[in-house]
PDB file of N, CA and C in Angstrom:
ATOM      1  N   MET A   1      95.852  79.403  75.210  1.00  0.00           N
ATOM      2  CA  MET A   1      94.657  79.470  76.248  1.00  0.00           C
ATOM      3  C   MET A   1      93.492  78.822  75.491  1.00  0.00           C
ATOM      4  N   TYR A   2      93.458  78.702  74.386  1.00  0.00           N
ATOM      5  CA  TYR A   2      92.370  77.869  73.667  1.00  0.00           C
ATOM      6  C   TYR A   2      92.177  76.540  74.092  1.00  0.00           C
ATOM      7  N   GLY A   3      93.082  75.869  74.318  1.00  0.00           N
ATOM      8  CA  GLY A   3      93.247  74.585  74.747  1.00  0.00           C
ATOM      9  C   GLY A   3      92.482  74.366  75.979  1.00  0.00           C
ATOM     10  N   THR A   4      93.114  75.421  76.830  1.00  0.00           N
ATOM     11  CA  THR A   4      92.328  75.295  78.561  1.00  0.00           C
ATOM     12  C   THR A   4      91.110  75.521  78.033  1.00  0.00           C
ATOM     13  N   TYR A   5      90.346  76.473  77.486  1.00  0.00           N
ATOM     14  CA  TYR A   5      88.981  76.691  77.185  1.00  0.00           C
ATOM     15  C   TYR A   5      88.454  75.579  76.885  1.00  0.00           C
ATOM     16  N   LEU A   6      88.868  74.629  75.853  1.00  0.00           N
ATOM     17  CA  LEU A   6      88.457  73.350  75.418  1.00  0.00           C
ATOM     18  C   LEU A   6      88.229  72.507  76.399  1.00  0.00           C
ATOM     19  N   ARG A   7      89.313  72.753  77.725  1.00  0.00           N
ATOM     20  CA  ARG A   7      88.890  71.547  78.634  1.00  0.00           C
ATOM     21  C   ARG A   7      88.090  71.928  79.719  1.00  0.00           C
ATOM     22  N   LEU A   8      87.519  73.229  79.611  1.00  0.00           N
ATOM     23  CA  LEU A   8      86.397  73.717  80.724  1.00  0.00           C
ATOM     24  C   LEU A   8      85.335  72.833  80.751  1.00  0.00           C
ATOM     25  N   ASP A   9      84.992  72.024  79.559  1.00  0.00           N
ATOM     26  CA  ASP A   9      83.777  71.023  79.681  1.00  0.00           C
ATOM     27  C   ASP A   9      82.615  71.860  79.589  1.00  0.00           C
ATOM     28  N   ILE A  10      82.269  72.864  79.103  1.00  0.00           N
ATOM     29  CA  ILE A  10      81.172  73.742  78.983  1.00  0.00           C
ATOM     30  C   ILE A  10      80.482  73.611  77.547  1.00  0.00           C
ATOM     31  N   THR A  11      79.275  74.032  77.607  1.00  0.00           N
ATOM     32  CA  THR A  11      78.750  73.941  76.242  1.00  0.00           C
ATOM     33  C   THR A  11      78.458  75.386  75.534  1.00  0.00           C
ATOM     34  N   VAL A  12      78.026  75.363  74.222  1.00  0.00           N
ATOM     35  CA  VAL A  12      78.098  77.029  73.976  1.00  0.00           C
ATOM     36  C   VAL A  12      76.864  77.866  74.407  1.00  0.00           C
ATOM     37  N   ASP A  13      75.895  76.712  74.903  1.00  0.00           N
ATOM     38  CA  ASP A  13      74.433  77.543  75.796  1.00  0.00           C
ATOM     39  C   ASP A  13      74.901  78.308  77.126  1.00  0.00           C
ATOM     40  N   ASP A  14      76.129  77.728  77.649  1.00  0.00           N
ATOM     41  CA  ASP A  14      76.178  78.196  79.049  1.00  0.00           C
ATOM     42  C   ASP A  14      76.592  79.884  79.187  1.00  0.00           C
ATOM     43  N   GLY A  15      75.962  80.417  80.092  1.00  0.00           N
ATOM     44  CA  GLY A  15      76.392  81.668  80.375  1.00  0.00           C
ATOM     45  C   GLY A  15      77.680  82.174  81.037  1.00  0.00           C
ATOM     46  N   TRP A  16      78.017  83.221  80.993  1.00  0.00           N
ATOM     47  CA  TRP A  16      79.309  83.761  81.708  1.00  0.00           C
ATOM     48  C   TRP A  16      79.779  83.124  82.951  1.00  0.00           C
ATOM     49  N   ARG A  17      78.538  83.253  83.853  1.00  0.00           N
ATOM     50  CA  ARG A  17      78.941  82.586  85.237  1.00  0.00           C
ATOM     51  C   ARG A  17      79.364  81.102  85.364  1.00  0.00           C
ATOM     52  N   THR A  18      78.741  80.449  84.333  1.00  0.00           N
ATOM     53  CA  THR A  18      79.538  79.154  84.327  1.00  0.00           C
ATOM     54  C   THR A  18      80.894  78.765  83.720  1.00  0.00           C
ATOM     55  N   VAL A  19      81.090  79.727  82.938  1.00  0.00           N
ATOM     56  CA  VAL A  19      82.808  79.718  82.034  1.00  0.00           C
ATOM     57  C   VAL A  19      83.562  80.421  83.328  1.00  0.00           C
ATOM     58  N   ILE A  20      83.094  81.270  84.201  1.00  0.00           N
ATOM     59  CA  ILE A  20      84.017  81.753  85.334  1.00  0.00           C
ATOM     60  C   ILE A  20      83.950  80.645  86.337  1.00  0.00           C
ATOM     61  N   ARG A  21      83.164  79.973  86.515  1.00  0.00           N
ATOM     62  CA  ARG A  21      83.128  78.837  87.491  1.00  0.00           C
ATOM     63  C   ARG A  21      83.903  77.753  87.126  1.00  0.00           C
ATOM     64  N   ALA A  22      84.102  77.270  85.828  1.00  0.00           N
ATOM     65  CA  ALA A  22      84.711  76.279  85.242  1.00  0.00           C
ATOM     66  C   ALA A  22      86.087  76.957  85.100  1.00  0.00           C
ATOM     67  N   ALA A  23      86.222  78.000  84.823  1.00  0.00           N
ATOM     68  CA  ALA A  23      87.823  78.396  84.798  1.00  0.00           C
ATOM     69  C   ALA A  23      88.374  78.516  86.104  1.00  0.00           C
ATOM     70  N   ALA A  24      87.670  79.119  87.205  1.00  0.00           N
ATOM     71  CA  ALA A  24      88.144  79.063  88.740  1.00  0.00           C
ATOM     72  C   ALA A  24      88.625  77.547  89.217  1.00  0.00           C
ATOM     73  N   ARG A  25      87.809  76.482  88.766  1.00  0.00           N
ATOM     74  CA  ARG A  25      88.019  74.922  88.972  1.00  0.00           C
ATOM     75  C   ARG A  25      89.301  74.666  88.299  1.00  0.00           C
ATOM     76  N   LYS A  26      89.974  75.453  87.320  1.00  0.00           N
ATOM     77  CA  LYS A  26      90.706  75.129  86.729  1.00  0.00           C
ATOM     78  C   LYS A  26      92.227  75.522  87.357  1.00  0.00           C
ATOM     79  N   LEU A  27      91.737  76.697  88.150  1.00  0.00           N
ATOM     80  CA  LEU A  27      93.098  77.305  88.700  1.00  0.00           C
ATOM     81  C   LEU A  27      93.466  76.463  90.239  1.00  0.00           C
ATOM     82  N   THR A  28      94.726  76.621  90.892  1.00  0.00           N
ATOM     83  CA  THR A  28      94.941  76.016  92.110  1.00  0.00           C
ATOM     84  C   THR A  28      94.370  76.811  92.930  1.00  0.00           C
ATOM     85  N   ARG A  29      94.322  76.415  94.330  1.00  0.00           N
ATOM     86  CA  ARG A  29      93.662  77.132  95.400  1.00  0.00           C
ATOM     87  C   ARG A  29      94.443  78.350  95.659  1.00  0.00           C
ATOM     88  N   ARG A  30      95.833  78.071  95.562  1.00  0.00           N
ATOM     89  CA  ARG A  30      96.827  78.993  95.685  1.00  0.00           C
ATOM     90  C   ARG A  30      96.541  80.159  95.003  1.00  0.00           C
ATOM     91  N   ALA A  31      96.521  79.970  93.670  1.00  0.00           N
ATOM     92  CA  ALA A  31      96.173  80.980  92.582  1.00  0.00           C
ATOM     93  C   ALA A  31      94.781  81.718  92.612  1.00  0.00           C
ATOM     94  N   ARG A  32      93.996  81.164  93.047  1.00  0.00           N
ATOM     95  CA  ARG A  32      92.460  81.662  93.517  1.00  0.00           C
ATOM     96  C   ARG A  32      92.703  82.520  94.582  1.00  0.00           C
ATOM     97  N   ARG A  33      93.273  82.237  95.427  1.00  0.00           N
ATOM     98  CA  ARG A  33      93.477  83.127  96.569  1.00  0.00           C
ATOM     99  C   ARG A  33      94.357  84.227  97.221  1.00  0.00           C
ATOM    100  N   ASP A  34      95.289  84.235  95.990  1.00  0.00           N
ATOM    101  CA  ASP A  34      96.691  84.963  96.274  1.00  0.00           C
ATOM    102  C   ASP A  34      96.424  86.585  95.828  1.00  0.00           C
ATOM    103  N   PRO A  35      96.342  87.239  96.597  1.00  0.00           N
ATOM    104  CA  PRO A  35      95.935  88.863  95.949  1.00  0.00           C
ATOM    105  C   PRO A  35      96.758  89.553  95.114  1.00  0.00           C
ATOM    106  N   ALA A  36      98.283  88.737  95.406  1.00  0.00           N
ATOM    107  CA  ALA A  36      98.995  89.289  94.051  1.00  0.00           C
ATOM    108  C   ALA A  36      98.882  88.840  92.805  1.00  0.00           C
ATOM    109  N   ARG A  37      98.118  87.639  92.547  1.00  0.00           N
ATOM    110  CA  ARG A  37      97.737  87.126  90.960  1.00  0.00           C
ATOM    111  C   ARG A  37      96.407  87.649  90.830  1.00  0.00           C
ATOM    112  N   ARG A  38      95.935  88.438  91.189  1.00  0.00           N
ATOM    113  CA  ARG A  38      94.583  89.212  91.165  1.00  0.00           C
ATOM    114  C   ARG A  38      94.670  89.405  89.827  1.00  0.00           C
ATOM    115  N   GLN A  39      95.089  90.300  89.295  1.00  0.00           N
ATOM    116  CA  GLN A  39      95.292  90.627  87.884  1.00  0.00           C
ATOM    117  C   GLN A  39      95.602  89.638  86.745  1.00  0.00           C
ATOM    118  N   ALA A  40      96.366  88.890  87.222  1.00  0.00           N
ATOM    119  CA  ALA A  40      96.836  87.637  86.012  1.00  0.00           C
ATOM    120  C   ALA A  40      95.390  86.931  85.963  1.00  0.00           C
ATOM    121  N   ARG A  41      94.774  86.717  86.986  1.00  0.00           N
ATOM    122  CA  ARG A  41      93.519  85.798  87.269  1.00  0.00           C
ATOM    123  C   ARG A  41      92.409  86.705  86.306  1.00  0.00           C
ATOM    124  N   HIS A  42      92.314  87.717  86.693  1.00  0.00           N
ATOM    125  CA  HIS A  42      91.421  88.577  86.015  1.00  0.00           C
ATOM    126  C   HIS A  42      91.665  88.312  84.434  1.00  0.00           C
ATOM    127  N   ARG A  43      92.803  88.436  84.018  1.00  0.00           N
ATOM    128  CA  ARG A  43      92.862  88.378  82.584  1.00  0.00           C
ATOM    129  C   ARG A  43      92.899  86.796  82.142  1.00  0.00           C
ATOM    130  N   PHE A  44      93.152  85.901  82.864  1.00  0.00           N
ATOM    131  CA  PHE A  44      92.431  84.688  82.145  1.00  0.00           C
ATOM    132  C   PHE A  44      91.230  84.442  82.473  1.00  0.00           C
ATOM    133  N   TYR A  45      90.255  84.925  83.332  1.00  0.00           N
ATOM    134  CA  TYR A  45      88.998  85.047  83.109  1.00  0.00           C
ATOM    135  C   TYR A  45      88.282  85.505  81.930  1.00  0.00           C
ATOM    136  N   ARG A  46      88.940  86.821  81.619  1.00  0.00           N
ATOM    137  CA  ARG A  46      88.534  87.586  80.421  1.00  0.00           C
ATOM    138  C   ARG A  46      89.005  86.909  79.071  1.00  0.00           C
ATOM    139  N   GLU A  47      89.812  86.166  79.260  1.00  0.00           N
ATOM    140  CA  GLU A  47      90.405  85.311  77.953  1.00  0.00           C
ATOM    141  C   GLU A  47      89.387  84.125  77.696  1.00  0.00           C
ATOM    142  N   MET A  48      89.099  83.617  78.879  1.00  0.00           N
ATOM    143  CA  MET A  48      88.242  82.441  78.789  1.00  0.00           C
ATOM    144  C   MET A  48      86.733  83.027  78.209  1.00  0.00           C
ATOM    145  N   LEU A  49      86.515  84.079  78.937  1.00  0.00           N
ATOM    146  CA  LEU A  49      84.943  84.730  78.179  1.00  0.00           C
ATOM    147  C   LEU A  49      85.138  84.955  76.594  1.00  0.00           C
ATOM    148  N   ALA A  50      86.492  85.244  76.459  1.00  0.00           N
ATOM    149  CA  ALA A  50      86.564  85.753  75.099  1.00  0.00           C
ATOM    150  C   ALA A  50      86.414  84.819  74.241  1.00  0.00           C
ATOM    151  N   HIS A  51      86.989  83.626  74.729  1.00  0.00           N
ATOM    152  CA  HIS A  51      86.907  82.495  73.642  1.00  0.00           C
ATOM    153  C   HIS A  51      85.695  81.826  73.572  1.00  0.00           C
ATOM    154  N   HIS A  52      84.935  81.996  74.811  1.00  0.00           N
ATOM    155  CA  HIS A  52      83.455  81.526  74.599  1.00  0.00           C
ATOM    156  C   HIS A  52      82.665  82.551  73.877  1.00  0.00           C
ATOM    157  N   GLN A  53      82.770  83.476  73.616  1.00  0.00           N
ATOM    158  CA  GLN A  53      81.861  84.459  72.793  1.00  0.00           C
ATOM    159  C   GLN A  53      81.981  84.155  71.276  1.00  0.00           C
ATOM    160  N   ASP A  54      83.124  83.833  70.909  1.00  0.00           N
ATOM    161  CA  ASP A  54      83.310  83.177  69.483  1.00  0.00           C
ATOM    162  C   ASP A  54      82.243  82.174  69.042  1.00  0.00           C
ATOM    163  N   PRO A  55      82.335  80.981  69.730  1.00  0.00           N
ATOM    164  CA  PRO A  55      81.223  80.123  69.415  1.00  0.00           C
ATOM    165  C   PRO A  55      79.959  80.576  69.497  1.00  0.00           C
ATOM    166  N   GLN A  56      79.909  81.273  70.640  1.00  0.00           N
ATOM    167  CA  GLN A  56      78.240  81.867  70.698  1.00  0.00           C
ATOM    168  C   GLN A  56      77.850  82.770  69.547  1.00  0.00           C
ATOM    169  N   ARG A  57      78.878  83.639  69.026  1.00  0.00           N
ATOM    170  CA  ARG A  57      78.408  84.388  67.784  1.00  0.00           C
ATOM    171  C   ARG A  57      78.105  83.704  66.583  1.00  0.00           C
ATOM    172  N   LEU A  58      78.945  82.452  66.240  1.00  0.00           N
ATOM    173  CA  LEU A  58      78.988  81.952  65.390  1.00  0.00           C
ATOM    174  C   LEU A  58      77.323  81.022  65.431  1.00  0.00           C
ATOM    175  N   VAL A  59      76.769  80.498  66.522  1.00  0.00           N
ATOM    176  CA  VAL A  59      75.409  79.828  66.632  1.00  0.00           C
ATOM    177  C   VAL A  59      74.335  80.976  66.261  1.00  0.00           C
ATOM    178  N   ARG A  60      74.699  82.263  66.875  1.00  0.00           N
ATOM    179  CA  ARG A  60      73.684  83.338  66.664  1.00  0.00           C
ATOM    180  C   ARG A  60      73.795  83.778  65.345  1.00  0.00           C
ATOM    181  N   THR A  61      74.730  83.623  64.489  1.00  0.00           N
ATOM    182  CA  THR A  61      74.738  84.066  63.063  1.00  0.00           C
ATOM    183  C   THR A  61      74.082  83.074  62.058  1.00  0.00           C
ATOM    184  N   TRP A  62      74.625  81.675  62.461  1.00  0.00           N
ATOM    185  CA  TRP A  62      73.816  80.545  61.809  1.00  0.00           C
ATOM    186  C   TRP A  62      72.694  79.772  62.205  1.00  0.00           C
ATOM    187  N   ARG A  63      72.440  80.525  63.510  1.00  0.00           N
ATOM    188  CA  ARG A  63      71.229  79.833  64.019  1.00  0.00           C
ATOM    189  C   ARG A  63      71.295  78.311  64.206  1.00  0.00           C
ATOM    190  N   LEU A  64      72.186  77.758  64.626  1.00  0.00           N
ATOM    191  CA  LEU A  64      72.715  76.355  64.576  1.00  0.00           C
ATOM    192  C   LEU A  64      72.033  75.796  65.833  1.00  0.00           C
TER     193      LEU A  64
END
C-alpha cells in the first residue's frame, strides 16, 4: 500500500483532507459508492493517513 501512497501525488505539507481526496480519486466509482465495501474503504483511507503521518513526523523532528 505504500506504493499507492507514493502515487497520490501529494506533498508532506498537505493536510489529512487532501490525502483523503487524493486517495478517493484512486478508487473506482463503484468502490467509492458501494455500501458493502465501506469498511474496506475506511481501512484504505486510514492506511493512507498512516503512511502520510510518517514523513510529517520526520519533518517535524528534523525541522526540514
